[in-house]
Amino acid sequence: MPGNATSSRQSLSQALGSVAKAQAAVQALSSNFDGWMSEEVAKLDAAREALPRDSYGIEAVSVLYMRAHDMKGLAPTFGYPLIHQLAAGLCVLIDDDNLPFESRLPLIDDHIDAIRTLAGRKVRSQADAFGRKLVAQLEGDLRQLMETA
């Protein structure tokens, strides 16, 4: 049994070493996060702008959803937890078929505007008063819209 304990400690030590290396790699890349976030916001904006050109067709809506979903996944990695929350709400808005898509557009636009604003201001803290107020307002608007469906 003593050999198993030693082996377990070595495995744990190796795992912790791997985690430390991964954290160092993320830290080294973190200087790029703001630029990458700007690129993701531009992609989200472009997808929204394409909707009327494509007559709000399923392909254009799918691209918008994909961009929102990407934003939802990338925002926490890039250090933008409030943008993650907004993108999650945006995904719900795009994906919900209980209301006509066009009736959801104003709130979709509000979410995209809020994402753009928080990214532009580089709001990274969940404690940011402006960001929290913006997220709370849009989450309330989303709940209210979904209740009317």
C-alpha atoms as a PDB file:
ATOM      1  CA  MET A   1       0.000   0.000   0.000  1.00  0.00           C
ATOM      2  CA  PRO A   2       2.756   2.548   0.657  1.00  0.00           C
ATOM      3  CA  GLY A   3       3.654   2.380  -3.029  1.00  0.00           C
ATOM      4  CA  ASN A   4       0.112   3.409  -3.966  1.00  0.00           C
ATOM      5  CA  ALA A   5       0.297   6.472  -1.727  1.00  0.00           C
ATOM      6  CA  THR A   6       3.599   7.493  -3.304  1.00  0.00           C
ATOM      7  CA  SER A   7       2.178   6.916  -6.761  1.00  0.00           C
ATOM      8  CA  SER A   8      -0.913   8.957  -5.908  1.00  0.00           C
ATOM      9  CA  ARG A   9       1.233  11.831  -4.608  1.00  0.00           C
ATOM     10  CA  GLN A  10       3.314  11.767  -7.774  1.00  0.00           C
ATOM     11  CA  SER A  11       0.173  11.777  -9.928  1.00  0.00           C
ATOM     12  CA  LEU A  12      -1.241  14.664  -7.942  1.00  0.00           C
ATOM     13  CA  SER A  13       2.046  16.546  -8.196  1.00  0.00           C
ATOM     14  CA  GLN A  14       2.112  16.020 -11.979  1.00  0.00           C
ATOM     15  CA  ALA A  15      -1.507  17.157 -12.294  1.00  0.00           C
ATOM     16  CA  LEU A  16      -0.829  20.280 -10.254  1.00  0.00           C
ATOM     17  CA  GLY A  17       2.231  20.968 -12.388  1.00  0.00           C
ATOM     18  CA  SER A  18       0.102  20.678 -15.520  1.00  0.00           C
ATOM     19  CA  VAL A  19      -2.487  23.055 -14.072  1.00  0.00           C
ATOM     20  CA  ALA A  20       0.228  25.561 -13.197  1.00  0.00           C
ATOM     21  CA  LYS A  21       1.601  25.370 -16.749  1.00  0.00           C
ATOM     22  CA  ALA A  22      -1.871  25.880 -18.204  1.00  0.00           C
ATOM     23  CA  GLN A  23      -2.488  28.883 -15.937  1.00  0.00           C
ATOM     24  CA  ALA A  24       0.834  30.368 -16.995  1.00  0.00           C
ATOM     25  CA  ALA A  25      -0.072  29.879 -20.655  1.00  0.00           C
ATOM     26  CA  VAL A  26      -3.438  31.597 -20.159  1.00  0.00           C
ATOM     27  CA  GLN A  27      -1.722  34.446 -18.304  1.00  0.00           C
ATOM     28  CA  ALA A  28       0.740  34.856 -21.177  1.00  0.00           C
ATOM     29  CA  LEU A  29      -2.156  35.062 -23.633  1.00  0.00           C
ATOM     30  CA  SER A  30      -4.238  37.401 -21.490  1.00  0.00           C
ATOM     31  CA  SER A  31      -2.704  40.497 -23.046  1.00  0.00           C
ATOM     32  CA  ASN A  32      -4.540  39.503 -26.238  1.00  0.00           C
ATOM     33  CA  PHE A  33      -7.957  39.088 -24.590  1.00  0.00           C
ATOM     34  CA  ASP A  34      -9.184  42.653 -25.140  1.00  0.00           C
ATOM     35  CA  GLY A  35      -8.318  42.485 -28.834  1.00  0.00           C
ATOM     36  CA  TRP A  36      -9.975  39.110 -29.204  1.00  0.00           C
ATOM     37  CA  MET A  37     -13.068  40.390 -27.402  1.00  0.00           C
ATOM     38  CA  SER A  38     -13.224  43.332 -29.821  1.00  0.00           C
ATOM     39  CA  GLU A  39     -13.052  40.884 -32.731  1.00  0.00           C
ATOM     40  CA  GLU A  40     -15.880  38.805 -31.262  1.00  0.00           C
ATOM     41  CA  VAL A  41     -18.022  41.923 -30.773  1.00  0.00           C
ATOM     42  CA  ALA A  42     -17.395  42.899 -34.405  1.00  0.00           C
ATOM     43  CA  LYS A  43     -18.483  39.426 -35.536  1.00  0.00           C
ATOM     44  CA  LEU A  44     -21.637  39.684 -33.428  1.00  0.00           C
ATOM     45  CA  ASP A  45     -22.385  43.143 -34.884  1.00  0.00           C
ATOM     46  CA  ALA A  46     -21.841  41.868 -38.428  1.00  0.00           C
ATOM     47  CA  ALA A  47     -24.190  38.945 -37.836  1.00  0.00           C
ATOM     48  CA  ARG A  48     -26.882  41.316 -36.543  1.00  0.00           C
ATOM     49  CA  GLU A  49     -26.425  43.694 -39.461  1.00  0.00           C
ATOM     50  CA  ALA A  50     -26.808  40.806 -41.917  1.00  0.00           C
ATOM     51  CA  LEU A  51     -30.284  39.874 -40.679  1.00  0.00           C
ATOM     52  CA  PRO A  52     -32.338  42.351 -42.746  1.00  0.00           C
ATOM     53  CA  ARG A  53     -30.148  41.822 -45.825  1.00  0.00           C
ATOM     54  CA  ASP A  54     -30.917  38.121 -45.564  1.00  0.00           C
ATOM     55  CA  SER A  55     -34.636  38.700 -44.886  1.00  0.00           C
ATOM     56  CA  TYR A  56     -34.270  37.327 -41.361  1.00  0.00           C
ATOM     57  CA  GLY A  57     -33.791  33.872 -42.844  1.00  0.00           C
ATOM     58  CA  ILE A  58     -32.869  30.814 -40.832  1.00  0.00           C
ATOM     59  CA  GLU A  59     -29.232  30.889 -41.965  1.00  0.00           C
ATOM     60  CA  ALA A  60     -28.747  34.497 -40.869  1.00  0.00           C
ATOM     61  CA  VAL A  61     -30.471  33.841 -37.534  1.00  0.00           C
ATOM     62  CA  SER A  62     -28.306  30.732 -37.063  1.00  0.00           C
ATOM     63  CA  VAL A  63     -25.150  32.783 -37.628  1.00  0.00           C
ATOM     64  CA  LEU A  64     -26.317  35.337 -35.054  1.00  0.00           C
ATOM     65  CA  TYR A  65     -27.006  32.532 -32.584  1.00  0.00           C
ATOM     66  CA  MET A  66     -23.593  30.997 -33.261  1.00  0.00           C
ATOM     67  CA  ARG A  67     -21.888  34.359 -32.607  1.00  0.00           C
ATOM     68  CA  ALA A  68     -23.863  34.864 -29.382  1.00  0.00           C
ATOM     69  CA  HIS A  69     -23.052  31.325 -28.268  1.00  0.00           C
ATOM     70  CA  ASP A  70     -19.358  31.847 -29.038  1.00  0.00           C
ATOM     71  CA  MET A  71     -19.462  35.056 -27.014  1.00  0.00           C
ATOM     72  CA  LYS A  72     -21.132  33.230 -24.125  1.00  0.00           C
ATOM     73  CA  GLY A  73     -18.320  30.674 -24.116  1.00  0.00           C
ATOM     74  CA  LEU A  74     -15.393  33.009 -24.692  1.00  0.00           C
ATOM     75  CA  ALA A  75     -16.343  35.909 -22.418  1.00  0.00           C
ATOM     76  CA  PRO A  76     -15.458  34.140 -19.145  1.00  0.00           C
ATOM     77  CA  THR A  77     -12.139  32.985 -20.595  1.00  0.00           C
ATOM     78  CA  PHE A  78     -11.377  36.538 -21.683  1.00  0.00           C
ATOM     79  CA  GLY A  79     -12.302  37.826 -18.223  1.00  0.00           C
ATOM     80  CA  TYR A  80     -15.710  39.325 -18.989  1.00  0.00           C
ATOM     81  CA  PRO A  81     -18.241  37.551 -16.738  1.00  0.00           C
ATOM     82  CA  LEU A  82     -20.993  40.140 -17.226  1.00  0.00           C
ATOM     83  CA  ILE A  83     -20.719  39.809 -20.995  1.00  0.00           C
ATOM     84  CA  HIS A  84     -21.105  36.066 -20.493  1.00  0.00           C
ATOM     85  CA  GLN A  85     -24.417  36.714 -18.727  1.00  0.00           C
ATOM     86  CA  LEU A  86     -25.608  39.036 -21.481  1.00  0.00           C
ATOM     87  CA  ALA A  87     -24.609  36.583 -24.203  1.00  0.00           C
ATOM     88  CA  ALA A  88     -26.457  33.791 -22.383  1.00  0.00           C
ATOM     89  CA  GLY A  89     -29.599  35.925 -22.407  1.00  0.00           C
ATOM     90  CA  LEU A  90     -29.040  36.726 -26.055  1.00  0.00           C
ATOM     91  CA  CYS A  91     -28.888  33.010 -26.852  1.00  0.00           C
ATOM     92  CA  VAL A  92     -32.207  32.490 -25.063  1.00  0.00           C
ATOM     93  CA  LEU A  93     -33.767  35.362 -27.011  1.00  0.00           C
ATOM     94  CA  ILE A  94     -32.605  34.088 -30.373  1.00  0.00           C
ATOM     95  CA  ASP A  95     -33.488  30.476 -29.659  1.00  0.00           C
ATOM     96  CA  ASP A  96     -36.980  30.987 -28.219  1.00  0.00           C
ATOM     97  CA  ASP A  97     -39.682  30.370 -30.811  1.00  0.00           C
ATOM     98  CA  ASN A  98     -42.649  31.326 -28.617  1.00  0.00           C
ATOM     99  CA  LEU A  99     -42.633  34.865 -29.993  1.00  0.00           C
ATOM    100  CA  PRO A 100     -42.115  36.051 -33.570  1.00  0.00           C
ATOM    101  CA  PHE A 101     -38.459  36.794 -34.182  1.00  0.00           C
ATOM    102  CA  GLU A 102     -39.155  40.389 -35.188  1.00  0.00           C
ATOM    103  CA  SER A 103     -40.823  41.066 -31.820  1.00  0.00           C
ATOM    104  CA  ARG A 104     -37.619  39.978 -30.087  1.00  0.00           C
ATOM    105  CA  LEU A 105     -35.365  42.243 -32.174  1.00  0.00           C
ATOM    106  CA  PRO A 106     -35.457  45.317 -29.924  1.00  0.00           C
ATOM    107  CA  LEU A 107     -34.284  43.284 -26.923  1.00  0.00           C
ATOM    108  CA  ILE A 108     -31.757  41.426 -29.084  1.00  0.00           C
ATOM    109  CA  ASP A 109     -30.377  44.803 -30.131  1.00  0.00           C
ATOM    110  CA  ASP A 110     -30.304  45.968 -26.499  1.00  0.00           C
ATOM    111  CA  HIS A 111     -28.259  42.902 -25.546  1.00  0.00           C
ATOM    112  CA  ILE A 112     -25.811  43.444 -28.402  1.00  0.00           C
ATOM    113  CA  ASP A 113     -25.494  47.140 -27.519  1.00  0.00           C
ATOM    114  CA  ALA A 114     -24.828  46.222 -23.874  1.00  0.00           C
ATOM    115  CA  ILE A 115     -22.192  43.667 -24.875  1.00  0.00           C
ATOM    116  CA  ARG A 116     -20.508  46.247 -27.097  1.00  0.00           C
ATOM    117  CA  THR A 117     -20.616  48.851 -24.294  1.00  0.00           C
ATOM    118  CA  LEU A 118     -19.160  46.575 -21.609  1.00  0.00           C
ATOM    119  CA  ALA A 119     -16.446  45.346 -23.962  1.00  0.00           C
ATOM    120  CA  GLY A 120     -15.618  48.914 -25.000  1.00  0.00           C
ATOM    121  CA  ARG A 121     -15.372  49.988 -21.372  1.00  0.00           C
ATOM    122  CA  LYS A 122     -13.389  46.822 -20.582  1.00  0.00           C
ATOM    123  CA  VAL A 123     -15.743  45.957 -17.720  1.00  0.00           C
ATOM    124  CA  ARG A 124     -14.182  42.837 -16.265  1.00  0.00           C
ATOM    125  CA  SER A 125     -15.493  42.881 -12.713  1.00  0.00           C
ATOM    126  CA  GLN A 126     -18.824  41.387 -11.718  1.00  0.00           C
ATOM    127  CA  ALA A 127     -18.894  44.075  -9.038  1.00  0.00           C
ATOM    128  CA  ASP A 128     -18.905  46.939 -11.566  1.00  0.00           C
ATOM    129  CA  ALA A 129     -22.008  48.977 -10.648  1.00  0.00           C
ATOM    130  CA  PHE A 130     -22.760  50.136 -14.189  1.00  0.00           C
ATOM    131  CA  GLY A 131     -22.330  46.648 -15.633  1.00  0.00           C
ATOM    132  CA  ARG A 132     -24.430  44.999 -12.924  1.00  0.00           C
ATOM    133  CA  LYS A 133     -27.228  47.513 -13.435  1.00  0.00           C
ATOM    134  CA  LEU A 134     -27.175  46.956 -17.187  1.00  0.00           C
ATOM    135  CA  VAL A 135     -27.254  43.165 -16.822  1.00  0.00           C
ATOM    136  CA  ALA A 136     -30.030  43.304 -14.207  1.00  0.00           C
ATOM    137  CA  GLN A 137     -32.148  45.554 -16.421  1.00  0.00           C
ATOM    138  CA  LEU A 138     -31.786  43.308 -19.461  1.00  0.00           C
ATOM    139  CA  GLU A 139     -32.361  40.125 -17.462  1.00  0.00           C
ATOM    140  CA  GLY A 140     -35.578  41.690 -16.134  1.00  0.00           C
ATOM    141  CA  ASP A 141     -36.642  42.726 -19.630  1.00  0.00           C
ATOM    142  CA  LEU A 142     -35.941  39.188 -20.876  1.00  0.00           C
ATOM    143  CA  ARG A 143     -37.993  37.626 -18.045  1.00  0.00           C
ATOM    144  CA  GLN A 144     -40.857  40.000 -18.757  1.00  0.00           C
ATOM    145  CA  LEU A 145     -40.790  39.221 -22.475  1.00  0.00           C
ATOM    146  CA  MET A 146     -40.698  35.469 -21.858  1.00  0.00           C
ATOM    147  CA  GLU A 147     -43.659  35.730 -19.463  1.00  0.00           C
ATOM    148  CA  THR A 148     -45.757  37.348 -22.189  1.00  0.00           C
ATOM    149  CA  ALA A 149     -45.024  34.500 -24.601  1.00  0.00           C
END
